[in-house]
């Protein structure tokens, strides 16, 4: 059996893989108004998916939304003011682009590390180091 025959046989026997979207999806923020506060109900689920420190994510979202925030006893984020789901989603997308996805390969297999006194994004997939903005 020559190479082409072996390749064709291997391709015929391998299962078809359907692309159903990204393997990394952050849950949509579930936000609701409560008086003069916007409550981010599934903040803990988002943190679990991002695999980032809650204070780092909260500080970034505060900065993006231009408001004060805290995490309540149930693990929900509470933002002072009325914010629509789309605005919180845009801020969350900005966080993912800046602090989760690798700027070289685009994969989410990253972690924040400190090198020479600076925080950088280290990609476990391709090994790239990228600078990240201060929060």
N, C-alpha and C. Protein backbone atom coordinates (compact mmCIF):
# COMPACT_ATOMS: atom_id res chain seq x y z
N UNK A 1 0.86 -1.17 0.00
CA UNK A 1 0.00 0.00 0.00
C UNK A 1 0.91 1.23 0.00
N UNK A 2 0.65 2.14 -0.91
CA UNK A 2 1.47 3.34 -0.96
C UNK A 2 0.86 4.44 -0.09
N UNK A 3 1.54 5.55 -0.02
CA UNK A 3 1.13 6.65 0.86
C UNK A 3 -0.27 7.16 0.56
N UNK A 4 -0.56 7.40 -0.72
CA UNK A 4 -1.88 7.94 -1.09
C UNK A 4 -3.01 7.00 -0.70
N UNK A 5 -2.80 5.69 -0.89
CA UNK A 5 -3.83 4.72 -0.51
C UNK A 5 -4.03 4.72 1.01
N UNK A 6 -2.93 4.78 1.75
CA UNK A 6 -3.02 4.80 3.21
C UNK A 6 -3.71 6.08 3.70
N UNK A 7 -3.40 7.20 3.07
CA UNK A 7 -4.03 8.47 3.44
C UNK A 7 -5.53 8.43 3.15
N UNK A 8 -5.90 7.96 1.98
CA UNK A 8 -7.33 7.87 1.63
C UNK A 8 -8.07 6.94 2.58
N UNK A 9 -7.46 5.84 2.93
CA UNK A 9 -8.08 4.88 3.85
C UNK A 9 -8.27 5.51 5.23
N UNK A 10 -7.25 6.22 5.70
CA UNK A 10 -7.35 6.89 6.99
C UNK A 10 -8.44 7.95 7.00
N UNK A 11 -8.54 8.72 5.92
CA UNK A 11 -9.58 9.76 5.84
C UNK A 11 -10.98 9.15 5.79
N UNK A 12 -11.13 8.03 5.10
CA UNK A 12 -12.43 7.37 5.00
C UNK A 12 -12.87 6.81 6.35
N UNK A 13 -11.91 6.33 7.14
CA UNK A 13 -12.24 5.71 8.42
C UNK A 13 -12.36 6.70 9.57
N UNK A 14 -11.89 7.91 9.38
CA UNK A 14 -11.98 8.89 10.47
C UNK A 14 -13.38 9.50 10.49
N UNK A 15 -13.89 9.79 11.69
CA UNK A 15 -15.24 10.36 11.78
C UNK A 15 -15.25 11.80 11.28
N UNK A 16 -16.40 12.20 10.76
CA UNK A 16 -16.57 13.59 10.34
C UNK A 16 -16.76 14.44 11.57
N UNK A 17 -16.08 15.56 11.61
CA UNK A 17 -16.19 16.47 12.74
C UNK A 17 -16.97 17.69 12.28
N UNK A 18 -18.08 17.92 12.95
CA UNK A 18 -18.89 19.08 12.60
C UNK A 18 -18.49 20.24 13.49
N UNK A 19 -18.31 21.38 12.89
CA UNK A 19 -17.96 22.58 13.63
C UNK A 19 -19.25 23.18 14.17
N UNK A 20 -19.41 23.18 15.47
CA UNK A 20 -20.64 23.69 16.09
C UNK A 20 -20.39 25.01 16.81
N UNK A 21 -19.32 25.68 16.48
CA UNK A 21 -19.02 26.94 17.14
C UNK A 21 -17.73 26.84 17.92
N UNK A 22 -17.47 27.87 18.65
CA UNK A 22 -16.24 27.94 19.42
C UNK A 22 -16.29 26.96 20.58
N UNK A 23 -15.13 26.39 20.91
CA UNK A 23 -15.08 25.49 22.05
C UNK A 23 -15.04 26.28 23.35
N UNK A 24 -14.88 27.59 23.23
CA UNK A 24 -14.79 28.45 24.40
C UNK A 24 -15.88 29.50 24.32
N UNK A 25 -16.91 29.31 25.09
CA UNK A 25 -18.01 30.27 25.11
C UNK A 25 -18.26 30.73 26.53
N UNK A 26 -18.25 32.02 26.69
CA UNK A 26 -18.54 32.62 27.99
C UNK A 26 -20.05 32.79 28.09
N UNK A 27 -20.66 32.43 29.21
CA UNK A 27 -22.11 32.58 29.33
C UNK A 27 -22.54 34.03 29.22
N UNK A 28 -23.66 34.26 28.58
CA UNK A 28 -24.20 35.62 28.50
C UNK A 28 -24.50 36.12 29.90
N UNK A 29 -24.16 37.39 30.17
CA UNK A 29 -24.46 37.92 31.50
C UNK A 29 -25.97 37.98 31.73
N UNK A 30 -26.39 37.46 32.86
CA UNK A 30 -27.80 37.51 33.27
C UNK A 30 -27.91 38.67 34.25
N UNK A 31 -28.34 39.84 33.74
CA UNK A 31 -28.43 41.03 34.58
C UNK A 31 -29.88 41.45 34.75
N UNK A 32 -30.14 42.05 35.91
CA UNK A 32 -31.49 42.55 36.18
C UNK A 32 -31.38 43.76 37.10
N UNK A 33 -32.29 44.72 36.91
CA UNK A 33 -32.28 45.88 37.81
C UNK A 33 -32.88 45.53 39.16
N UNK A 34 -32.33 46.14 40.19
CA UNK A 34 -32.85 45.98 41.55
C UNK A 34 -32.69 47.34 42.23
N UNK A 35 -33.72 48.16 42.14
CA UNK A 35 -33.61 49.52 42.66
C UNK A 35 -32.65 50.32 41.80
N UNK A 36 -31.65 50.94 42.44
CA UNK A 36 -30.66 51.70 41.68
C UNK A 36 -29.40 50.89 41.41
N UNK A 37 -29.53 49.57 41.47
CA UNK A 37 -28.40 48.66 41.29
C UNK A 37 -28.73 47.68 40.17
N UNK A 38 -27.70 47.29 39.40
CA UNK A 38 -27.85 46.22 38.42
C UNK A 38 -27.15 44.99 38.98
N UNK A 39 -27.87 43.88 39.06
CA UNK A 39 -27.34 42.65 39.64
C UNK A 39 -26.96 41.70 38.50
N UNK A 40 -25.71 41.24 38.52
CA UNK A 40 -25.17 40.28 37.56
C UNK A 40 -25.32 38.91 38.20
N UNK A 41 -26.42 38.24 37.89
CA UNK A 41 -26.81 37.00 38.57
C UNK A 41 -25.81 35.85 38.38
N UNK A 42 -25.31 35.65 37.18
CA UNK A 42 -24.44 34.49 36.92
C UNK A 42 -22.96 34.88 36.87
N UNK A 43 -22.57 35.80 37.72
CA UNK A 43 -21.19 36.26 37.77
C UNK A 43 -20.24 35.12 38.13
N UNK A 44 -20.61 34.26 39.07
CA UNK A 44 -19.75 33.15 39.46
C UNK A 44 -19.56 32.15 38.32
N UNK A 45 -20.61 31.89 37.55
CA UNK A 45 -20.50 30.99 36.40
C UNK A 45 -19.55 31.58 35.35
N UNK A 46 -19.62 32.89 35.19
CA UNK A 46 -18.72 33.57 34.26
C UNK A 46 -17.27 33.46 34.75
N UNK A 47 -17.06 33.69 36.04
CA UNK A 47 -15.71 33.56 36.61
C UNK A 47 -15.16 32.15 36.43
N UNK A 48 -16.01 31.16 36.64
CA UNK A 48 -15.57 29.77 36.47
C UNK A 48 -15.12 29.51 35.04
N UNK A 49 -15.85 30.07 34.09
CA UNK A 49 -15.50 29.88 32.67
C UNK A 49 -14.24 30.65 32.30
N UNK A 50 -14.10 31.87 32.83
CA UNK A 50 -12.93 32.69 32.52
C UNK A 50 -11.67 32.18 33.21
N UNK A 51 -11.83 31.55 34.36
CA UNK A 51 -10.72 31.08 35.19
C UNK A 51 -9.80 32.24 35.55
N UNK A 52 -10.41 33.32 36.03
CA UNK A 52 -9.67 34.50 36.45
C UNK A 52 -10.13 34.91 37.84
N UNK A 53 -9.31 35.72 38.52
CA UNK A 53 -9.61 36.20 39.86
C UNK A 53 -10.83 37.11 39.82
N UNK A 54 -11.76 36.91 40.76
CA UNK A 54 -13.00 37.69 40.78
C UNK A 54 -12.74 39.19 40.95
N UNK A 55 -11.76 39.54 41.76
CA UNK A 55 -11.47 40.96 41.96
C UNK A 55 -10.91 41.62 40.71
N UNK A 56 -10.12 40.87 39.95
CA UNK A 56 -9.56 41.40 38.70
C UNK A 56 -10.67 41.66 37.68
N UNK A 57 -11.56 40.69 37.52
CA UNK A 57 -12.68 40.84 36.57
C UNK A 57 -13.60 41.97 37.02
N UNK A 58 -13.92 42.01 38.31
CA UNK A 58 -14.82 43.05 38.82
C UNK A 58 -14.22 44.44 38.63
N UNK A 59 -12.94 44.57 38.92
CA UNK A 59 -12.27 45.87 38.76
C UNK A 59 -12.31 46.32 37.30
N UNK A 60 -12.08 45.39 36.36
CA UNK A 60 -12.14 45.73 34.95
C UNK A 60 -13.55 46.16 34.55
N UNK A 61 -14.57 45.39 34.98
CA UNK A 61 -15.95 45.74 34.63
C UNK A 61 -16.34 47.09 35.22
N UNK A 62 -15.89 47.38 36.44
CA UNK A 62 -16.17 48.69 37.03
C UNK A 62 -15.60 49.80 36.15
N UNK A 63 -14.38 49.60 35.71
CA UNK A 63 -13.72 50.60 34.89
C UNK A 63 -14.44 50.77 33.55
N UNK A 64 -14.81 49.67 32.92
CA UNK A 64 -15.49 49.73 31.62
C UNK A 64 -16.88 50.36 31.73
N UNK A 65 -17.58 50.06 32.82
CA UNK A 65 -18.94 50.58 32.99
C UNK A 65 -18.95 51.95 33.67
N UNK A 66 -17.82 52.34 34.24
CA UNK A 66 -17.73 53.65 34.89
C UNK A 66 -18.59 53.74 36.14
N UNK A 67 -18.54 52.72 36.98
CA UNK A 67 -19.37 52.70 38.17
C UNK A 67 -18.68 51.94 39.30
N UNK A 68 -19.29 51.96 40.45
CA UNK A 68 -18.80 51.18 41.59
C UNK A 68 -19.50 49.83 41.58
N UNK A 69 -18.83 48.83 42.15
CA UNK A 69 -19.41 47.49 42.20
C UNK A 69 -18.87 46.73 43.39
N UNK A 70 -19.59 45.69 43.76
CA UNK A 70 -19.13 44.80 44.81
C UNK A 70 -19.72 43.42 44.54
N UNK A 71 -19.17 42.44 45.22
CA UNK A 71 -19.69 41.08 45.12
C UNK A 71 -20.45 40.79 46.41
N UNK A 72 -21.71 40.38 46.26
CA UNK A 72 -22.52 40.13 47.46
C UNK A 72 -22.27 38.74 48.02
N UNK A 73 -22.98 38.40 49.09
CA UNK A 73 -22.79 37.13 49.79
C UNK A 73 -23.17 35.92 48.94
N UNK A 74 -23.96 36.11 47.90
CA UNK A 74 -24.36 35.02 47.02
C UNK A 74 -23.43 34.89 45.81
N UNK A 75 -22.38 35.72 45.76
CA UNK A 75 -21.43 35.66 44.66
C UNK A 75 -21.85 36.41 43.42
N UNK A 76 -22.89 37.23 43.55
CA UNK A 76 -23.35 38.03 42.42
C UNK A 76 -22.62 39.37 42.43
N UNK A 77 -22.40 39.91 41.25
CA UNK A 77 -21.82 41.25 41.16
C UNK A 77 -22.97 42.26 41.17
N UNK A 78 -22.78 43.33 41.94
CA UNK A 78 -23.80 44.37 42.04
C UNK A 78 -23.18 45.69 41.60
N UNK A 79 -23.68 46.25 40.49
CA UNK A 79 -23.17 47.50 39.92
C UNK A 79 -24.13 48.64 40.25
N UNK A 80 -23.58 49.74 40.73
CA UNK A 80 -24.40 50.92 41.01
C UNK A 80 -24.81 51.54 39.69
N UNK A 81 -26.11 51.64 39.47
CA UNK A 81 -26.64 52.21 38.23
C UNK A 81 -27.43 51.18 37.44
N UNK A 82 -28.05 51.65 36.36
CA UNK A 82 -28.87 50.80 35.51
C UNK A 82 -28.10 50.49 34.23
N UNK A 83 -27.76 49.22 34.03
CA UNK A 83 -26.99 48.81 32.87
C UNK A 83 -27.73 47.72 32.12
N UNK A 84 -27.83 47.88 30.82
CA UNK A 84 -28.47 46.88 29.97
C UNK A 84 -27.54 45.68 29.80
N UNK A 85 -28.12 44.54 29.48
CA UNK A 85 -27.37 43.32 29.28
C UNK A 85 -26.32 43.49 28.19
N UNK A 86 -26.65 44.21 27.13
CA UNK A 86 -25.72 44.38 26.02
C UNK A 86 -24.47 45.17 26.44
N UNK A 87 -24.64 46.14 27.31
CA UNK A 87 -23.49 46.93 27.76
C UNK A 87 -22.56 46.10 28.64
N UNK A 88 -23.14 45.28 29.52
CA UNK A 88 -22.34 44.40 30.35
C UNK A 88 -21.65 43.35 29.47
N UNK A 89 -22.35 42.86 28.47
CA UNK A 89 -21.78 41.87 27.53
C UNK A 89 -20.59 42.47 26.78
N UNK A 90 -20.72 43.71 26.33
CA UNK A 90 -19.61 44.37 25.62
C UNK A 90 -18.39 44.52 26.52
N UNK A 91 -18.61 44.88 27.77
CA UNK A 91 -17.50 45.01 28.72
C UNK A 91 -16.86 43.64 28.97
N UNK A 92 -17.67 42.61 29.07
CA UNK A 92 -17.16 41.26 29.28
C UNK A 92 -16.36 40.78 28.06
N UNK A 93 -16.86 41.09 26.87
CA UNK A 93 -16.14 40.74 25.64
C UNK A 93 -14.78 41.43 25.59
N UNK A 94 -14.72 42.68 26.04
CA UNK A 94 -13.46 43.42 26.08
C UNK A 94 -12.49 42.75 27.05
N UNK A 95 -13.00 42.25 28.16
CA UNK A 95 -12.15 41.55 29.13
C UNK A 95 -11.57 40.28 28.51
N UNK A 96 -12.42 39.52 27.84
CA UNK A 96 -11.98 38.27 27.22
C UNK A 96 -10.89 38.56 26.18
N UNK A 97 -11.08 39.57 25.37
CA UNK A 97 -10.08 39.91 24.35
C UNK A 97 -8.77 40.38 24.96
N UNK A 98 -8.85 41.13 26.04
CA UNK A 98 -7.64 41.69 26.63
C UNK A 98 -6.93 40.79 27.62
N UNK A 99 -7.67 39.91 28.29
CA UNK A 99 -7.09 39.15 29.41
C UNK A 99 -7.28 37.64 29.33
N UNK A 100 -7.93 37.13 28.29
CA UNK A 100 -8.14 35.68 28.21
C UNK A 100 -7.62 35.11 26.89
N UNK A 101 -8.02 35.66 25.77
CA UNK A 101 -7.59 35.11 24.48
C UNK A 101 -6.16 35.53 24.15
N UNK A 102 -5.39 34.57 23.63
CA UNK A 102 -4.01 34.84 23.23
C UNK A 102 -4.01 35.76 22.00
N UNK A 103 -3.17 36.78 22.04
CA UNK A 103 -3.11 37.71 20.92
C UNK A 103 -2.40 37.10 19.71
N UNK A 104 -1.66 36.02 19.90
CA UNK A 104 -0.95 35.36 18.80
C UNK A 104 -1.80 34.29 18.12
N UNK A 105 -2.30 33.33 18.90
CA UNK A 105 -3.03 32.20 18.30
C UNK A 105 -4.54 32.29 18.47
N UNK A 106 -5.01 33.19 19.35
CA UNK A 106 -6.44 33.38 19.55
C UNK A 106 -7.11 32.37 20.46
N UNK A 107 -6.34 31.44 21.02
CA UNK A 107 -6.93 30.43 21.90
C UNK A 107 -7.08 30.96 23.32
N UNK A 108 -8.03 30.41 24.08
CA UNK A 108 -8.26 30.86 25.45
C UNK A 108 -7.41 30.14 26.50
N UNK A 109 -6.47 29.34 26.07
CA UNK A 109 -5.67 28.54 27.00
C UNK A 109 -4.54 29.39 27.58
N UNK A 110 -4.92 30.37 28.37
CA UNK A 110 -3.95 31.33 28.89
C UNK A 110 -4.09 31.47 30.39
N UNK A 111 -3.08 32.14 30.95
CA UNK A 111 -3.13 32.49 32.38
C UNK A 111 -2.34 33.77 32.56
N UNK A 112 -2.71 34.52 33.59
CA UNK A 112 -2.00 35.74 33.92
C UNK A 112 -0.84 35.39 34.84
N UNK A 113 0.37 35.79 34.47
CA UNK A 113 1.55 35.52 35.28
C UNK A 113 2.34 36.82 35.45
N UNK A 114 3.17 36.84 36.48
CA UNK A 114 4.03 38.00 36.71
C UNK A 114 5.45 37.65 36.29
N UNK A 115 5.98 38.42 35.36
CA UNK A 115 7.35 38.23 34.89
C UNK A 115 8.08 39.56 34.98
N UNK A 116 9.19 39.56 35.70
CA UNK A 116 10.00 40.78 35.88
C UNK A 116 9.17 41.94 36.43
N UNK A 117 8.23 41.63 37.31
CA UNK A 117 7.42 42.65 37.96
C UNK A 117 6.22 43.12 37.15
N UNK A 118 6.04 42.59 35.96
CA UNK A 118 4.91 43.00 35.11
C UNK A 118 3.96 41.82 34.92
N UNK A 119 2.68 42.10 34.89
CA UNK A 119 1.69 41.05 34.62
C UNK A 119 1.57 40.87 33.11
N UNK A 120 1.70 39.62 32.68
CA UNK A 120 1.59 39.30 31.26
C UNK A 120 0.65 38.11 31.08
N UNK A 121 0.17 37.97 29.86
CA UNK A 121 -0.70 36.86 29.51
C UNK A 121 0.17 35.78 28.87
N UNK A 122 0.21 34.61 29.50
CA UNK A 122 1.03 33.50 28.98
C UNK A 122 0.09 32.46 28.37
N UNK A 123 0.36 32.13 27.12
CA UNK A 123 -0.46 31.15 26.41
C UNK A 123 0.13 29.76 26.61
N UNK A 124 -0.68 28.84 27.11
CA UNK A 124 -0.23 27.47 27.30
C UNK A 124 -0.27 26.69 25.99
N UNK A 125 -0.96 27.21 24.97
CA UNK A 125 -1.06 26.52 23.69
C UNK A 125 0.15 26.80 22.80
N UNK A 126 0.52 28.07 22.66
CA UNK A 126 1.61 28.41 21.74
C UNK A 126 2.84 28.96 22.45
N UNK A 127 2.73 29.26 23.74
CA UNK A 127 3.88 29.74 24.50
C UNK A 127 4.11 31.24 24.44
N UNK A 128 3.25 31.95 23.75
CA UNK A 128 3.44 33.39 23.60
C UNK A 128 3.23 34.13 24.93
N UNK A 129 3.96 35.21 25.08
CA UNK A 129 3.77 36.13 26.20
C UNK A 129 3.27 37.44 25.62
N UNK A 130 2.19 37.96 26.18
CA UNK A 130 1.62 39.22 25.69
C UNK A 130 1.43 40.17 26.85
N UNK A 131 1.69 41.43 26.61
CA UNK A 131 1.44 42.42 27.65
C UNK A 131 -0.07 42.62 27.78
N UNK A 132 -0.49 42.96 28.97
CA UNK A 132 -1.90 43.24 29.22
C UNK A 132 -2.01 44.63 29.81
N UNK A 133 -3.11 45.31 29.54
CA UNK A 133 -3.26 46.65 30.11
C UNK A 133 -3.46 46.61 31.62
N UNK A 134 -3.12 47.69 32.28
CA UNK A 134 -3.36 47.79 33.71
C UNK A 134 -4.85 47.91 33.96
N UNK A 135 -5.28 47.34 35.07
CA UNK A 135 -6.70 47.45 35.44
C UNK A 135 -6.83 48.43 36.56
